[in-house]
């Protein structure tokens, strides 16, 4: 995680909530911010970057068949 410089200089902390889909092959799709930290849009940018760069996941299954699954992930920024 790259802690945003402006936030670090101001000792800002907070949690960004990101929603995304893990597709049938385990890839992260469509990360979007559900809730950001007021005054620090760079937290949202970094949270989406982190989620976008996650390695391949094990996909969800129904009746042993891979399915797309939506996740909501809190990304905490703290010292």
N, C-alpha and C. Protein backbone atom coordinates (compact mmCIF):
# COMPACT_ATOMS: atom_id res chain seq x y z
N UNK A 1 0.85 -1.17 0.00
CA UNK A 1 0.00 0.00 0.00
C UNK A 1 0.89 1.23 0.00
N UNK A 2 0.55 2.17 -0.86
CA UNK A 2 1.24 3.46 -0.88
C UNK A 2 0.36 4.46 -0.14
N UNK A 3 0.82 4.87 1.05
CA UNK A 3 0.04 5.84 1.85
C UNK A 3 0.16 7.19 1.16
N UNK A 4 -0.96 7.80 0.77
CA UNK A 4 -0.90 9.08 0.06
C UNK A 4 -0.14 10.15 0.85
N UNK A 5 0.73 10.87 0.16
CA UNK A 5 1.60 11.85 0.80
C UNK A 5 0.82 12.90 1.58
N UNK A 6 -0.19 13.50 0.97
CA UNK A 6 -0.98 14.53 1.64
C UNK A 6 -1.62 13.99 2.92
N UNK A 7 -2.14 12.79 2.85
CA UNK A 7 -2.77 12.17 4.02
C UNK A 7 -1.72 11.88 5.10
N UNK A 8 -0.55 11.42 4.68
CA UNK A 8 0.52 11.13 5.64
C UNK A 8 0.97 12.41 6.34
N UNK A 9 1.13 13.48 5.58
CA UNK A 9 1.57 14.75 6.15
C UNK A 9 0.56 15.30 7.16
N UNK A 10 -0.72 14.98 6.96
CA UNK A 10 -1.77 15.46 7.86
C UNK A 10 -2.18 14.41 8.89
N UNK A 11 -1.44 13.30 8.94
CA UNK A 11 -1.74 12.19 9.86
C UNK A 11 -3.19 11.73 9.73
N UNK A 12 -3.70 11.75 8.49
CA UNK A 12 -5.08 11.34 8.23
C UNK A 12 -5.19 9.83 8.20
N UNK A 13 -6.30 9.33 8.72
CA UNK A 13 -6.60 7.91 8.71
C UNK A 13 -8.05 7.74 8.26
N UNK A 14 -8.42 6.53 7.93
CA UNK A 14 -9.81 6.27 7.57
C UNK A 14 -9.94 4.96 6.82
N UNK A 15 -11.17 4.63 6.49
CA UNK A 15 -11.47 3.39 5.79
C UNK A 15 -12.26 3.69 4.53
N UNK A 16 -11.82 3.11 3.42
CA UNK A 16 -12.53 3.20 2.15
C UNK A 16 -13.16 1.83 1.92
N UNK A 17 -14.43 1.83 1.54
CA UNK A 17 -15.13 0.58 1.24
C UNK A 17 -15.22 0.43 -0.27
N UNK A 18 -14.71 -0.70 -0.76
CA UNK A 18 -14.66 -0.96 -2.20
C UNK A 18 -15.50 -2.19 -2.51
N UNK A 19 -16.32 -2.10 -3.55
CA UNK A 19 -17.07 -3.25 -4.03
C UNK A 19 -16.45 -3.71 -5.35
N UNK A 20 -16.48 -5.02 -5.59
CA UNK A 20 -15.91 -5.57 -6.82
C UNK A 20 -16.47 -6.96 -7.03
N UNK A 21 -16.25 -7.50 -8.21
CA UNK A 21 -16.71 -8.84 -8.56
C UNK A 21 -15.50 -9.73 -8.79
N UNK A 22 -15.57 -10.95 -8.26
CA UNK A 22 -14.62 -11.99 -8.63
C UNK A 22 -15.33 -12.84 -9.66
N UNK A 23 -14.79 -12.88 -10.88
CA UNK A 23 -15.49 -13.61 -11.94
C UNK A 23 -15.23 -15.11 -11.86
N UNK A 24 -15.80 -15.83 -12.80
CA UNK A 24 -15.72 -17.30 -12.80
C UNK A 24 -14.29 -17.82 -12.90
N UNK A 25 -13.38 -16.99 -13.42
CA UNK A 25 -11.98 -17.42 -13.53
C UNK A 25 -11.14 -16.91 -12.36
N UNK A 26 -11.77 -16.17 -11.42
CA UNK A 26 -11.06 -15.69 -10.24
C UNK A 26 -10.45 -14.31 -10.38
N UNK A 27 -10.75 -13.62 -11.48
CA UNK A 27 -10.20 -12.28 -11.70
C UNK A 27 -11.08 -11.21 -11.07
N UNK A 28 -10.42 -10.13 -10.60
CA UNK A 28 -11.12 -8.98 -10.03
C UNK A 28 -11.68 -8.14 -11.17
N UNK A 29 -12.98 -7.82 -11.08
CA UNK A 29 -13.63 -6.97 -12.07
C UNK A 29 -14.31 -5.79 -11.41
N UNK A 30 -14.32 -4.68 -12.08
CA UNK A 30 -15.15 -3.51 -11.74
C UNK A 30 -15.04 -3.02 -10.31
N UNK A 31 -13.83 -2.78 -9.79
CA UNK A 31 -13.76 -2.22 -8.43
C UNK A 31 -14.30 -0.79 -8.42
N UNK A 32 -15.15 -0.50 -7.44
CA UNK A 32 -15.74 0.83 -7.28
C UNK A 32 -15.81 1.18 -5.80
N UNK A 33 -15.68 2.45 -5.50
CA UNK A 33 -15.75 2.92 -4.12
C UNK A 33 -17.21 3.02 -3.69
N UNK A 34 -17.53 2.38 -2.58
CA UNK A 34 -18.86 2.50 -1.97
C UNK A 34 -18.91 3.67 -1.00
N UNK A 35 -17.82 3.81 -0.23
CA UNK A 35 -17.75 4.88 0.76
C UNK A 35 -16.30 5.33 0.86
N UNK A 36 -16.11 6.64 0.79
CA UNK A 36 -14.76 7.20 0.83
C UNK A 36 -14.51 7.94 2.14
N UNK A 37 -13.31 8.47 2.27
CA UNK A 37 -12.94 9.28 3.43
C UNK A 37 -13.03 10.74 3.00
N UNK A 38 -13.90 11.49 3.65
CA UNK A 38 -14.10 12.91 3.31
C UNK A 38 -12.78 13.68 3.35
N UNK A 39 -12.54 14.44 2.28
CA UNK A 39 -11.36 15.29 2.23
C UNK A 39 -10.10 14.62 1.72
N UNK A 40 -10.16 13.31 1.49
CA UNK A 40 -8.97 12.58 1.04
C UNK A 40 -9.32 11.64 -0.12
N UNK A 41 -9.59 12.18 -1.30
CA UNK A 41 -9.93 11.33 -2.44
C UNK A 41 -8.79 10.40 -2.84
N UNK A 42 -7.56 10.76 -2.45
CA UNK A 42 -6.42 9.91 -2.76
C UNK A 42 -6.50 8.55 -2.05
N UNK A 43 -7.20 8.49 -0.92
CA UNK A 43 -7.43 7.19 -0.27
C UNK A 43 -8.26 6.29 -1.20
N UNK A 44 -9.28 6.86 -1.82
CA UNK A 44 -10.14 6.08 -2.73
C UNK A 44 -9.34 5.58 -3.93
N UNK A 45 -8.52 6.46 -4.48
CA UNK A 45 -7.70 6.08 -5.63
C UNK A 45 -6.78 4.92 -5.28
N UNK A 46 -6.14 4.99 -4.12
CA UNK A 46 -5.22 3.93 -3.70
C UNK A 46 -5.97 2.64 -3.39
N UNK A 47 -7.13 2.73 -2.77
CA UNK A 47 -7.91 1.53 -2.45
C UNK A 47 -8.33 0.80 -3.72
N UNK A 48 -8.79 1.54 -4.72
CA UNK A 48 -9.18 0.91 -5.99
C UNK A 48 -7.96 0.30 -6.67
N UNK A 49 -6.82 0.97 -6.61
CA UNK A 49 -5.59 0.41 -7.19
C UNK A 49 -5.22 -0.91 -6.52
N UNK A 50 -5.29 -0.93 -5.20
CA UNK A 50 -4.95 -2.15 -4.46
C UNK A 50 -5.85 -3.32 -4.85
N UNK A 51 -7.15 -3.06 -4.89
CA UNK A 51 -8.10 -4.12 -5.24
C UNK A 51 -7.87 -4.57 -6.69
N UNK A 52 -7.63 -3.64 -7.59
CA UNK A 52 -7.41 -3.97 -9.00
C UNK A 52 -6.19 -4.86 -9.20
N UNK A 53 -5.19 -4.71 -8.34
CA UNK A 53 -3.94 -5.46 -8.49
C UNK A 53 -3.88 -6.74 -7.66
N UNK A 54 -5.00 -7.13 -7.06
CA UNK A 54 -5.01 -8.37 -6.29
C UNK A 54 -4.73 -9.55 -7.21
N UNK A 55 -4.07 -10.58 -6.68
CA UNK A 55 -3.85 -11.78 -7.48
C UNK A 55 -5.18 -12.51 -7.71
N UNK A 56 -5.12 -13.51 -8.56
CA UNK A 56 -6.31 -14.31 -8.87
C UNK A 56 -6.84 -14.99 -7.62
N UNK A 57 -8.16 -14.94 -7.46
CA UNK A 57 -8.85 -15.58 -6.33
C UNK A 57 -9.38 -16.94 -6.76
N UNK A 58 -9.76 -17.73 -5.79
CA UNK A 58 -10.51 -18.96 -6.07
C UNK A 58 -11.96 -18.52 -6.27
N UNK A 59 -12.56 -18.81 -7.43
CA UNK A 59 -13.92 -18.32 -7.68
C UNK A 59 -14.95 -19.02 -6.79
N UNK A 60 -16.06 -18.33 -6.59
CA UNK A 60 -17.18 -18.94 -5.87
C UNK A 60 -17.81 -20.03 -6.73
N UNK A 61 -18.53 -20.92 -6.09
CA UNK A 61 -19.19 -21.99 -6.84
C UNK A 61 -20.61 -22.21 -6.33
N UNK A 62 -21.44 -22.66 -7.22
CA UNK A 62 -22.78 -23.16 -6.89
C UNK A 62 -22.90 -24.49 -7.61
N UNK A 63 -23.22 -25.54 -6.86
CA UNK A 63 -23.30 -26.89 -7.43
C UNK A 63 -22.02 -27.25 -8.18
N UNK A 64 -20.89 -26.90 -7.59
CA UNK A 64 -19.56 -27.18 -8.15
C UNK A 64 -19.27 -26.47 -9.47
N UNK A 65 -20.07 -25.47 -9.83
CA UNK A 65 -19.83 -24.67 -11.03
C UNK A 65 -19.37 -23.28 -10.62
N UNK A 66 -18.30 -22.76 -11.24
CA UNK A 66 -17.84 -21.41 -10.89
C UNK A 66 -18.90 -20.36 -11.21
N UNK A 67 -19.01 -19.36 -10.33
CA UNK A 67 -19.96 -18.26 -10.53
C UNK A 67 -19.27 -16.95 -10.16
N UNK A 68 -19.81 -15.86 -10.70
CA UNK A 68 -19.34 -14.53 -10.30
C UNK A 68 -19.86 -14.23 -8.91
N UNK A 69 -19.02 -13.59 -8.09
CA UNK A 69 -19.41 -13.23 -6.73
C UNK A 69 -19.00 -11.78 -6.46
N UNK A 70 -19.92 -11.01 -5.88
CA UNK A 70 -19.62 -9.62 -5.50
C UNK A 70 -19.13 -9.59 -4.06
N UNK A 71 -18.08 -8.81 -3.83
CA UNK A 71 -17.51 -8.62 -2.50
C UNK A 71 -17.49 -7.14 -2.16
N UNK A 72 -17.59 -6.85 -0.88
CA UNK A 72 -17.38 -5.50 -0.35
C UNK A 72 -16.21 -5.60 0.61
N UNK A 73 -15.19 -4.80 0.38
CA UNK A 73 -13.95 -4.89 1.15
C UNK A 73 -13.61 -3.56 1.79
N UNK A 74 -13.41 -3.54 3.12
CA UNK A 74 -12.91 -2.31 3.75
C UNK A 74 -11.40 -2.24 3.58
N UNK A 75 -10.90 -1.09 3.17
CA UNK A 75 -9.46 -0.86 3.06
C UNK A 75 -9.11 0.23 4.07
N UNK A 76 -8.40 -0.16 5.11
CA UNK A 76 -8.10 0.73 6.24
C UNK A 76 -6.77 1.43 6.02
N UNK A 77 -6.77 2.74 6.18
CA UNK A 77 -5.56 3.55 6.12
C UNK A 77 -5.27 4.04 7.54
N UNK A 78 -4.16 3.59 8.09
CA UNK A 78 -3.79 3.97 9.46
C UNK A 78 -2.28 3.85 9.59
N UNK A 79 -1.75 4.52 10.58
CA UNK A 79 -0.30 4.44 10.84
C UNK A 79 0.00 3.29 11.76
